[in-house]
């Protein structure tokens, strides 16, 4: 909007930056969380390692992905609602 000459106050700009940061986190945190269990599964398959109980731990790590996405969204909502208006 700034390119088109729209005036924005500092609070709007700050909120947009926070939203952008939360969207980036929401996009990359699942990749980071999934890379650990998937990497271990691939390494285990390549080197024919018996994982037994470790597969349960890897499953729990994969389950954490939607939780992390929800936590990121809730954190942004909580930050934006508890701030005092300027």
PDB file of N, CA and C in Angstrom:
ATOM      1  N   UNK A   1       0.809  -1.199   0.000  1.00  0.00           N
ATOM      2  CA  UNK A   1       0.000   0.000   0.000  1.00  0.00           C
ATOM      3  C   UNK A   1       0.850   1.261   0.000  1.00  0.00           C
ATOM      4  N   UNK A   2       2.025   1.166   0.535  1.00  0.00           N
ATOM      5  CA  UNK A   2       2.899   2.336   0.577  1.00  0.00           C
ATOM      6  C   UNK A   2       3.287   2.751  -0.835  1.00  0.00           C
ATOM      7  N   UNK A   3       3.443   1.795  -1.725  1.00  0.00           N
ATOM      8  CA  UNK A   3       3.794   2.118  -3.110  1.00  0.00           C
ATOM      9  C   UNK A   3       2.739   2.978  -3.784  1.00  0.00           C
ATOM     10  N   UNK A   4       1.495   2.781  -3.408  1.00  0.00           N
ATOM     11  CA  UNK A   4       0.401   3.509  -4.040  1.00  0.00           C
ATOM     12  C   UNK A   4       0.070   4.809  -3.326  1.00  0.00           C
ATOM     13  N   UNK A   5       0.879   5.194  -2.383  1.00  0.00           N
ATOM     14  CA  UNK A   5       0.704   6.464  -1.703  1.00  0.00           C
ATOM     15  C   UNK A   5      -0.219   6.412  -0.503  1.00  0.00           C
ATOM     16  N   UNK A   6      -0.577   5.234  -0.051  1.00  0.00           N
ATOM     17  CA  UNK A   6      -1.447   5.123   1.115  1.00  0.00           C
ATOM     18  C   UNK A   6      -0.643   5.426   2.376  1.00  0.00           C
ATOM     19  N   UNK A   7      -1.219   6.230   3.231  1.00  0.00           N
ATOM     20  CA  UNK A   7      -0.545   6.585   4.481  1.00  0.00           C
ATOM     21  C   UNK A   7      -0.872   5.537   5.543  1.00  0.00           C
ATOM     22  N   UNK A   8       0.147   5.121   6.271  1.00  0.00           N
ATOM     23  CA  UNK A   8      -0.040   4.147   7.340  1.00  0.00           C
ATOM     24  C   UNK A   8       0.609   4.677   8.606  1.00  0.00           C
ATOM     25  N   UNK A   9      -0.064   4.425   9.723  1.00  0.00           N
ATOM     26  CA  UNK A   9       0.555   4.850  10.972  1.00  0.00           C
ATOM     27  C   UNK A   9       1.513   3.767  11.469  1.00  0.00           C
ATOM     28  N   UNK A  10       2.272   4.084  12.477  1.00  0.00           N
ATOM     29  CA  UNK A  10       3.310   3.181  12.984  1.00  0.00           C
ATOM     30  C   UNK A  10       2.716   1.890  13.538  1.00  0.00           C
ATOM     31  N   UNK A  11       1.550   1.992  14.156  1.00  0.00           N
ATOM     32  CA  UNK A  11       0.921   0.802  14.732  1.00  0.00           C
ATOM     33  C   UNK A  11       0.542  -0.198  13.637  1.00  0.00           C
ATOM     34  N   UNK A  12       0.032   0.293  12.519  1.00  0.00           N
ATOM     35  CA  UNK A  12      -0.328  -0.584  11.402  1.00  0.00           C
ATOM     36  C   UNK A  12       0.907  -1.256  10.828  1.00  0.00           C
ATOM     37  N   UNK A  13       1.962  -0.502  10.658  1.00  0.00           N
ATOM     38  CA  UNK A  13       3.203  -1.055  10.116  1.00  0.00           C
ATOM     39  C   UNK A  13       3.770  -2.114  11.059  1.00  0.00           C
ATOM     40  N   UNK A  14       3.746  -1.832  12.366  1.00  0.00           N
ATOM     41  CA  UNK A  14       4.262  -2.786  13.348  1.00  0.00           C
ATOM     42  C   UNK A  14       3.426  -4.067  13.350  1.00  0.00           C
ATOM     43  N   UNK A  15       2.108  -3.929  13.275  1.00  0.00           N
ATOM     44  CA  UNK A  15       1.230  -5.096  13.246  1.00  0.00           C
ATOM     45  C   UNK A  15       1.453  -5.924  11.992  1.00  0.00           C
ATOM     46  N   UNK A  16       1.655  -5.260  10.858  1.00  0.00           N
ATOM     47  CA  UNK A  16       1.919  -5.983   9.616  1.00  0.00           C
ATOM     48  C   UNK A  16       3.238  -6.745   9.690  1.00  0.00           C
ATOM     49  N   UNK A  17       4.244  -6.156  10.292  1.00  0.00           N
ATOM     50  CA  UNK A  17       5.533  -6.847  10.447  1.00  0.00           C
ATOM     51  C   UNK A  17       5.403  -8.058  11.360  1.00  0.00           C
ATOM     52  N   UNK A  18       4.650  -7.905  12.449  1.00  0.00           N
ATOM     53  CA  UNK A  18       4.438  -9.028  13.360  1.00  0.00           C
ATOM     54  C   UNK A  18       3.667 -10.149  12.667  1.00  0.00           C
ATOM     55  N   UNK A  19       2.661  -9.785  11.883  1.00  0.00           N
ATOM     56  CA  UNK A  19       1.891 -10.784  11.151  1.00  0.00           C
ATOM     57  C   UNK A  19       2.779 -11.510  10.148  1.00  0.00           C
ATOM     58  N   UNK A  20       3.628 -10.770   9.462  1.00  0.00           N
ATOM     59  CA  UNK A  20       4.544 -11.378   8.497  1.00  0.00           C
ATOM     60  C   UNK A  20       5.487 -12.361   9.191  1.00  0.00           C
ATOM     61  N   UNK A  21       6.020 -11.962  10.339  1.00  0.00           N
ATOM     62  CA  UNK A  21       6.911 -12.840  11.095  1.00  0.00           C
ATOM     63  C   UNK A  21       6.189 -14.115  11.521  1.00  0.00           C
ATOM     64  N   UNK A  22       4.962 -13.987  11.995  1.00  0.00           N
ATOM     65  CA  UNK A  22       4.201 -15.159  12.411  1.00  0.00           C
ATOM     66  C   UNK A  22       3.899 -16.075  11.227  1.00  0.00           C
ATOM     67  N   UNK A  23       3.633 -15.495  10.063  1.00  0.00           N
ATOM     68  CA  UNK A  23       3.381 -16.317   8.880  1.00  0.00           C
ATOM     69  C   UNK A  23       4.641 -17.056   8.440  1.00  0.00           C
ATOM     70  N   UNK A  24       5.777 -16.403   8.536  1.00  0.00           N
ATOM     71  CA  UNK A  24       7.041 -17.068   8.202  1.00  0.00           C
ATOM     72  C   UNK A  24       7.303 -18.210   9.184  1.00  0.00           C
ATOM     73  N   UNK A  25       7.088 -17.954  10.474  1.00  0.00           N
ATOM     74  CA  UNK A  25       7.259 -19.014  11.473  1.00  0.00           C
ATOM     75  C   UNK A  25       6.297 -20.167  11.224  1.00  0.00           C
ATOM     76  N   UNK A  26       5.057 -19.828  10.876  1.00  0.00           N
ATOM     77  CA  UNK A  26       4.062 -20.860  10.621  1.00  0.00           C
ATOM     78  C   UNK A  26       4.451 -21.709   9.412  1.00  0.00           C
ATOM     79  N   UNK A  27       5.155 -21.128   8.479  1.00  0.00           N
ATOM     80  CA  UNK A  27       5.590 -21.880   7.311  1.00  0.00           C
ATOM     81  C   UNK A  27       6.820 -22.727   7.556  1.00  0.00           C
ATOM     82  N   UNK A  28       7.780 -22.206   8.312  1.00  0.00           N
ATOM     83  CA  UNK A  28       9.058 -22.906   8.455  1.00  0.00           C
ATOM     84  C   UNK A  28       9.157 -23.820   9.675  1.00  0.00           C
ATOM     85  N   UNK A  29       8.406 -23.556  10.730  1.00  0.00           N
ATOM     86  CA  UNK A  29       8.467 -24.434  11.900  1.00  0.00           C
ATOM     87  C   UNK A  29       8.030 -25.867  11.589  1.00  0.00           C
ATOM     88  N   UNK A  30       6.952 -26.066  10.827  1.00  0.00           N
ATOM     89  CA  UNK A  30       6.616 -27.455  10.480  1.00  0.00           C
ATOM     90  C   UNK A  30       7.723 -28.148   9.690  1.00  0.00           C
ATOM     91  N   UNK A  31       8.392 -27.421   8.815  1.00  0.00           N
ATOM     92  CA  UNK A  31       9.504 -28.021   8.076  1.00  0.00           C
ATOM     93  C   UNK A  31      10.627 -28.426   9.018  1.00  0.00           C
ATOM     94  N   UNK A  32      10.917 -27.570   9.977  1.00  0.00           N
ATOM     95  CA  UNK A  32      11.976 -27.879  10.934  1.00  0.00           C
ATOM     96  C   UNK A  32      11.591 -29.066  11.813  1.00  0.00           C
ATOM     97  N   UNK A  33      10.335 -29.100  12.233  1.00  0.00           N
ATOM     98  CA  UNK A  33       9.884 -30.194  13.095  1.00  0.00           C
ATOM     99  C   UNK A  33       9.867 -31.514  12.333  1.00  0.00           C
ATOM    100  N   UNK A  34       9.406 -31.487  11.098  1.00  0.00           N
ATOM    101  CA  UNK A  34       9.315 -32.720  10.316  1.00  0.00           C
ATOM    102  C   UNK A  34      10.664 -33.206   9.806  1.00  0.00           C
ATOM    103  N   UNK A  35      11.629 -32.310   9.693  1.00  0.00           N
ATOM    104  CA  UNK A  35      12.923 -32.725   9.149  1.00  0.00           C
ATOM    105  C   UNK A  35      13.656 -33.700  10.072  1.00  0.00           C
ATOM    106  N   UNK A  36      13.487 -33.550  11.372  1.00  0.00           N
ATOM    107  CA  UNK A  36      14.174 -34.445  12.316  1.00  0.00           C
ATOM    108  C   UNK A  36      13.650 -35.880  12.202  1.00  0.00           C
ATOM    109  N   UNK A  37      12.336 -36.122  12.359  1.00  0.00           N
ATOM    110  CA  UNK A  37      11.895 -37.516  12.264  1.00  0.00           C
ATOM    111  C   UNK A  37      12.065 -38.108  10.870  1.00  0.00           C
ATOM    112  N   UNK A  38      11.808 -37.322   9.841  1.00  0.00           N
ATOM    113  CA  UNK A  38      11.962 -37.855   8.490  1.00  0.00           C
ATOM    114  C   UNK A  38      13.422 -38.152   8.173  1.00  0.00           C
ATOM    115  N   UNK A  39      14.314 -37.308   8.642  1.00  0.00           N
ATOM    116  CA  UNK A  39      15.738 -37.568   8.445  1.00  0.00           C
ATOM    117  C   UNK A  39      16.177 -38.847   9.137  1.00  0.00           C
ATOM    118  N   UNK A  40      15.691 -39.052  10.361  1.00  0.00           N
ATOM    119  CA  UNK A  40      16.042 -40.278  11.083  1.00  0.00           C
ATOM    120  C   UNK A  40      15.457 -41.519  10.411  1.00  0.00           C
ATOM    121  N   UNK A  41      14.244 -41.396   9.894  1.00  0.00           N
ATOM    122  CA  UNK A  41      13.632 -42.532   9.199  1.00  0.00           C
ATOM    123  C   UNK A  41      14.412 -42.861   7.932  1.00  0.00           C
ATOM    124  N   UNK A  42      14.807 -41.847   7.191  1.00  0.00           N
ATOM    125  CA  UNK A  42      15.569 -42.072   5.958  1.00  0.00           C
ATOM    126  C   UNK A  42      16.933 -42.683   6.275  1.00  0.00           C
ATOM    127  N   UNK A  43      17.601 -42.161   7.295  1.00  0.00           N
ATOM    128  CA  UNK A  43      18.902 -42.723   7.691  1.00  0.00           C
ATOM    129  C   UNK A  43      18.740 -44.175   8.143  1.00  0.00           C
ATOM    130  N   UNK A  44      17.684 -44.432   8.916  1.00  0.00           N
ATOM    131  CA  UNK A  44      17.430 -45.805   9.361  1.00  0.00           C
ATOM    132  C   UNK A  44      17.162 -46.748   8.204  1.00  0.00           C
ATOM    133  N   UNK A  45      16.448 -46.268   7.198  1.00  0.00           N
ATOM    134  CA  UNK A  45      16.163 -47.111   6.033  1.00  0.00           C
ATOM    135  C   UNK A  45      17.415 -47.335   5.194  1.00  0.00           C
ATOM    136  N   UNK A  46      18.223 -46.304   5.033  1.00  0.00           N
ATOM    137  CA  UNK A  46      19.430 -46.444   4.213  1.00  0.00           C
ATOM    138  C   UNK A  46      20.456 -47.390   4.839  1.00  0.00           C
ATOM    139  N   UNK A  47      20.615 -47.282   6.144  1.00  0.00           N
ATOM    140  CA  UNK A  47      21.619 -48.106   6.827  1.00  0.00           C
ATOM    141  C   UNK A  47      21.027 -49.358   7.469  1.00  0.00           C
ATOM    142  N   UNK A  48      19.753 -49.625   7.199  1.00  0.00           N
ATOM    143  CA  UNK A  48      19.036 -50.800   7.702  1.00  0.00           C
ATOM    144  C   UNK A  48      19.170 -50.945   9.218  1.00  0.00           C
ATOM    145  N   UNK A  49      18.846 -49.865   9.911  1.00  0.00           N
ATOM    146  CA  UNK A  49      18.908 -49.840  11.374  1.00  0.00           C
ATOM    147  C   UNK A  49      17.530 -50.212  11.920  1.00  0.00           C
ATOM    148  N   UNK A  50      17.486 -51.104  12.883  1.00  0.00           N
ATOM    149  CA  UNK A  50      16.229 -51.460  13.536  1.00  0.00           C
ATOM    150  C   UNK A  50      15.889 -50.373  14.556  1.00  0.00           C
ATOM    151  N   UNK A  51      14.738 -49.743  14.400  1.00  0.00           N
ATOM    152  CA  UNK A  51      14.397 -48.603  15.251  1.00  0.00           C
ATOM    153  C   UNK A  51      13.497 -48.969  16.428  1.00  0.00           C
ATOM    154  N   UNK A  52      12.773 -50.048  16.363  1.00  0.00           N
ATOM    155  CA  UNK A  52      11.891 -50.530  17.427  1.00  0.00           C
ATOM    156  C   UNK A  52      11.126 -49.402  18.121  1.00  0.00           C
ATOM    157  N   UNK A  53      11.496 -49.073  19.363  1.00  0.00           N
ATOM    158  CA  UNK A  53      10.768 -48.088  20.166  1.00  0.00           C
ATOM    159  C   UNK A  53      10.926 -46.667  19.630  1.00  0.00           C
ATOM    160  N   UNK A  54      11.973 -46.411  18.891  1.00  0.00           N
ATOM    161  CA  UNK A  54      12.223 -45.059  18.386  1.00  0.00           C
ATOM    162  C   UNK A  54      11.138 -44.602  17.407  1.00  0.00           C
ATOM    163  N   UNK A  55      10.467 -45.542  16.746  1.00  0.00           N
ATOM    164  CA  UNK A  55       9.402 -45.150  15.819  1.00  0.00           C
ATOM    165  C   UNK A  55       8.254 -44.473  16.554  1.00  0.00           C
ATOM    166  N   UNK A  56       7.996 -44.870  17.793  1.00  0.00           N
ATOM    167  CA  UNK A  56       6.956 -44.221  18.589  1.00  0.00           C
ATOM    168  C   UNK A  56       7.327 -42.768  18.868  1.00  0.00           C
ATOM    169  N   UNK A  57       8.561 -42.527  19.200  1.00  0.00           N
ATOM    170  CA  UNK A  57       9.034 -41.159  19.451  1.00  0.00           C
ATOM    171  C   UNK A  57       8.936 -40.323  18.177  1.00  0.00           C
ATOM    172  N   UNK A  58       9.296 -40.911  17.050  1.00  0.00           N
ATOM    173  CA  UNK A  58       9.209 -40.192  15.779  1.00  0.00           C
ATOM    174  C   UNK A  58       7.765 -39.860  15.436  1.00  0.00           C
ATOM    175  N   UNK A  59       6.846 -40.758  15.747  1.00  0.00           N
ATOM    176  CA  UNK A  59       5.429 -40.499  15.499  1.00  0.00           C
ATOM    177  C   UNK A  59       4.942 -39.326  16.340  1.00  0.00           C
ATOM    178  N   UNK A  60       5.345 -39.264  17.580  1.00  0.00           N
ATOM    179  CA  UNK A  60       4.953 -38.147  18.450  1.00  0.00           C
ATOM    180  C   UNK A  60       5.504 -36.835  17.899  1.00  0.00           C
ATOM    181  N   UNK A  61       6.716 -36.841  17.380  1.00  0.00           N
ATOM    182  CA  UNK A  61       7.283 -35.625  16.795  1.00  0.00           C
ATOM    183  C   UNK A  61       6.492 -35.170  15.573  1.00  0.00           C
ATOM    184  N   UNK A  62       6.019 -36.112  14.783  1.00  0.00           N
ATOM    185  CA  UNK A  62       5.207 -35.750  13.617  1.00  0.00           C
ATOM    186  C   UNK A  62       3.859 -35.198  14.070  1.00  0.00           C
ATOM    187  N   UNK A  63       3.307 -35.741  15.145  1.00  0.00           N
ATOM    188  CA  UNK A  63       2.048 -35.231  15.681  1.00  0.00           C
ATOM    189  C   UNK A  63       2.187 -33.798  16.189  1.00  0.00           C
ATOM    190  N   UNK A  64       3.360 -33.383  16.560  1.00  0.00           N
ATOM    191  CA  UNK A  64       3.571 -32.044  17.118  1.00  0.00           C
ATOM    192  C   UNK A  64       3.405 -30.944  16.079  1.00  0.00           C
ATOM    193  N   UNK A  65       3.470 -31.278  14.827  1.00  0.00           N
ATOM    194  CA  UNK A  65       3.442 -30.268  13.768  1.00  0.00           C
ATOM    195  C   UNK A  65       2.176 -29.397  13.799  1.00  0.00           C
ATOM    196  N   UNK A  66       0.965 -29.959  13.797  1.00  0.00           N
ATOM    197  CA  UNK A  66      -0.225 -29.100  13.867  1.00  0.00           C
ATOM    198  C   UNK A  66      -0.289 -28.290  15.157  1.00  0.00           C
ATOM    199  N   UNK A  67       0.215 -28.848  16.242  1.00  0.00           N
ATOM    200  CA  UNK A  67       0.217 -28.124  17.515  1.00  0.00           C
ATOM    201  C   UNK A  67       1.078 -26.878  17.429  1.00  0.00           C
ATOM    202  N   UNK A  68       2.227 -27.001  16.811  1.00  0.00           N
ATOM    203  CA  UNK A  68       3.129 -25.856  16.685  1.00  0.00           C
ATOM    204  C   UNK A  68       2.497 -24.782  15.805  1.00  0.00           C
ATOM    205  N   UNK A  69       1.839 -25.175  14.737  1.00  0.00           N
ATOM    206  CA  UNK A  69       1.173 -24.194  13.884  1.00  0.00           C
ATOM    207  C   UNK A  69       0.097 -23.449  14.665  1.00  0.00           C
ATOM    208  N   UNK A  70      -0.671 -24.170  15.463  1.00  0.00           N
ATOM    209  CA  UNK A  70      -1.716 -23.531  16.258  1.00  0.00           C
ATOM    210  C   UNK A  70      -1.120 -22.601  17.308  1.00  0.00           C
ATOM    211  N   UNK A  71      -0.024 -22.998  17.922  1.00  0.00           N
ATOM    212  CA  UNK A  71       0.618 -22.161  18.939  1.00  0.00           C
ATOM    213  C   UNK A  71       1.112 -20.854  18.328  1.00  0.00           C
ATOM    214  N   UNK A  72       1.650 -20.919  17.120  1.00  0.00           N
ATOM    215  CA  UNK A  72       2.121 -19.701  16.452  1.00  0.00           C
ATOM    216  C   UNK A  72       0.952 -18.759  16.203  1.00  0.00           C
ATOM    217  N   UNK A  73      -0.162 -19.286  15.720  1.00  0.00           N
ATOM    218  CA  UNK A  73      -1.332 -18.439  15.471  1.00  0.00           C
ATOM    219  C   UNK A  73      -1.873 -17.853  16.769  1.00  0.00           C
ATOM    220  N   UNK A  74      -1.989 -18.683  17.796  1.00  0.00           N
ATOM    221  CA  UNK A  74      -2.510 -18.194  19.071  1.00  0.00           C
ATOM    222  C   UNK A  74      -1.596 -17.154  19.696  1.00  0.00           C
ATOM    223  N   UNK A  75      -0.304 -17.298  19.516  1.00  0.00           N
ATOM    224  CA  UNK A  75       0.638 -16.311  20.056  1.00  0.00           C
ATOM    225  C   UNK A  75       0.427 -14.952  19.392  1.00  0.00           C
ATOM    226  N   UNK A  76       0.254 -14.962  18.075  1.00  0.00           N
ATOM    227  CA  UNK A  76       0.018 -13.695  17.385  1.00  0.00           C
ATOM    228  C   UNK A  76      -1.298 -13.076  17.840  1.00  0.00           C
ATOM    229  N   UNK A  77      -2.345 -13.881  17.943  1.00  0.00           N
ATOM    230  CA  UNK A  77      -3.646 -13.355  18.372  1.00  0.00           C
ATOM    231  C   UNK A  77      -3.546 -12.798  19.779  1.00  0.00           C
ATOM    232  N   UNK A  78      -2.868 -13.516  20.651  1.00  0.00           N
ATOM    233  CA  UNK A  78      -2.730 -13.052  22.034  1.00  0.00           C
ATOM    234  C   UNK A  78      -1.942 -11.748  22.100  1.00  0.00           C
ATOM    235  N   UNK A  79      -0.856 -11.654  21.333  1.00  0.00           N
ATOM    236  CA  UNK A  79      -0.061 -10.428  21.328  1.00  0.00           C
ATOM    237  C   UNK A  79      -0.870  -9.255  20.797  1.00  0.00           C
ATOM    238  N   UNK A  80      -1.651  -9.483  19.765  1.00  0.00           N
ATOM    239  CA  UNK A  80      -2.371  -8.371  19.148  1.00  0.00           C
ATOM    240  C   UNK A  80      -3.580  -7.940  19.969  1.00  0.00           C
ATOM    241  N   UNK A  81      -4.170  -8.837  20.767  1.00  0.00           N
ATOM    242  CA  UNK A  81      -5.345  -8.450  21.543  1.00  0.00           C
ATOM    243  C   UNK A  81      -4.999  -7.841  22.891  1.00  0.00           C
ATOM    244  N   UNK A  82      -3.867  -8.207  23.471  1.00  0.00           N
ATOM    245  CA  UNK A  82      -3.520  -7.697  24.789  1.00  0.00           C
ATOM    246  C   UNK A  82      -2.754  -6.381  24.760  1.00  0.00           C
ATOM    247  N   UNK A  83      -2.422  -5.899  23.587  1.00  0.00           N
ATOM    248  CA  UNK A  83      -1.706  -4.627  23.508  1.00  0.00           C
ATOM    249  C   UNK A  83      -2.679  -3.478  23.728  1.00  0.00           C
ATOM    250  N   UNK A  84      -2.212  -2.484  24.429  1.00  0.00           N
ATOM    251  CA  UNK A  84      -3.063  -1.323  24.659  1.00  0.00           C
ATOM    252  C   UNK A  84      -3.099  -0.455  23.407  1.00  0.00           C
ATOM    253  N   UNK A  85      -4.267   0.080  23.065  1.00  0.00           N
ATOM    254  CA  UNK A  85      -4.357   0.931  21.872  1.00  0.00           C
ATOM    255  C   UNK A  85      -3.571   2.219  22.055  1.00  0.00           C
ATOM    256  N   UNK A  86      -2.941   2.627  20.976  1.00  0.00           N
ATOM    257  CA  UNK A  86      -2.119   3.850  21.039  1.00  0.00           C
ATOM    258  C   UNK A  86      -2.832   5.005  20.387  1.00  0.00           C
TER     259      UNK A  86
END
